[in-house]
Amino acid sequence: MRRTFILTVLLGAAAAAQPVEDSLRARIRDFAGTVSLYAKNLDTGAAAGIRESDPVRTASTIKLPIMLAVFDAVARGRAEWSERLTVTAAEKVSGSGILAREISDGVQLPLRDVVHLMIVLSDNTATNMILERFTADAVNAYLDKIGIRTTRALRKVRGDGAQLEPAAGWSAAGKLAENRKYGLGVSTPRDMVALLEKLERGELVSREASREMIAILKRCQDDTGIPRRFGGLPVANKTGALDALRSDAGIVYANGARIAMAITVDGMPKSDYTPDNAGSLLIADLAAILVEGLAKR
């Protein structure tokens, strides 16, 4: 009897997801690039996905797991939020953020502020300062502890464009030949949604820490992807960008529903760092389809 009930539930969920996935595929049909995504209504369990278990380059979305590992280290007494990290020339890299361009070498910042810069402004130098203090291997050890084993932090940030620094800060996973193609990190849409769901349910580090991390994600300054079509609706998200890639992982709080999603667009033929990058626009449209379809289920 129990098996029959479970099968009925699964079949019902699959049927509910089909119209959503049809709309997603119609939107991406003529897109020049590869799309991987997964989304879940955290209240009803309704979900939809495309290549949701395929490994993808994370770009800066790996900063979400890095933040989780730092909060865990503080909770276990291995670090303190008031601890000072020093801005150094060795950790400065080009790309997103303000530390490399606006802050002098030798300035010391509280760990809490460096984490905020890493998430809210996606500061690459802040990320390297954190990985220098905690290491990518420590991030992966934390992910193992919470049962996430297909997301790996691989190394520090090198910068962007023609201003790439030598690769440094490799994790054991990053040294594997098969992982070099992923760059900063590797994950799957399913993994990212699993992390967001655990955060939203207060299951990571502590209920209080989970709430604080969600609040930080809600302050993310990049609204070109998931938040783009939602006006004033609350969104907690973290984005990533490379020449051929755009990614976004977040929770949309819409009409009493909580829709967690992770979307990666890779292989785009044209590099474009304007807010109207084709990948960002696609992510925005797909997010709208996901919320419209899953919030009702």
Foldseek 3Di string as FASTA:
>chain_A
DVVVVVVVVVVVLVVLQVVLVVVLCVLCVPPQFDKWKKKAFLVPGRIYTDQQAPKAQAFLQVLLLLLLLVLLCVLVVNDPQQDWFFQAPVLAAADWFPCNPPPDGGDIDGLVVLSLRCFQGVHQSSQSSSCVVQAQQSSQVVCVVVPFNQKGFAFGAQYADPGGHPTDRGDPVNPDPVNVVSPGIMHGFVSLLVVQSCLVVQNRSGNVVSVVLQVSQQNRPQCLAQNVPPPPWGKRKGWRDHQFKIKMWIWTCPPNITMTMIMMTGNHPGGDPDSVPVRRVSRNVSSVSCCVSNVVD
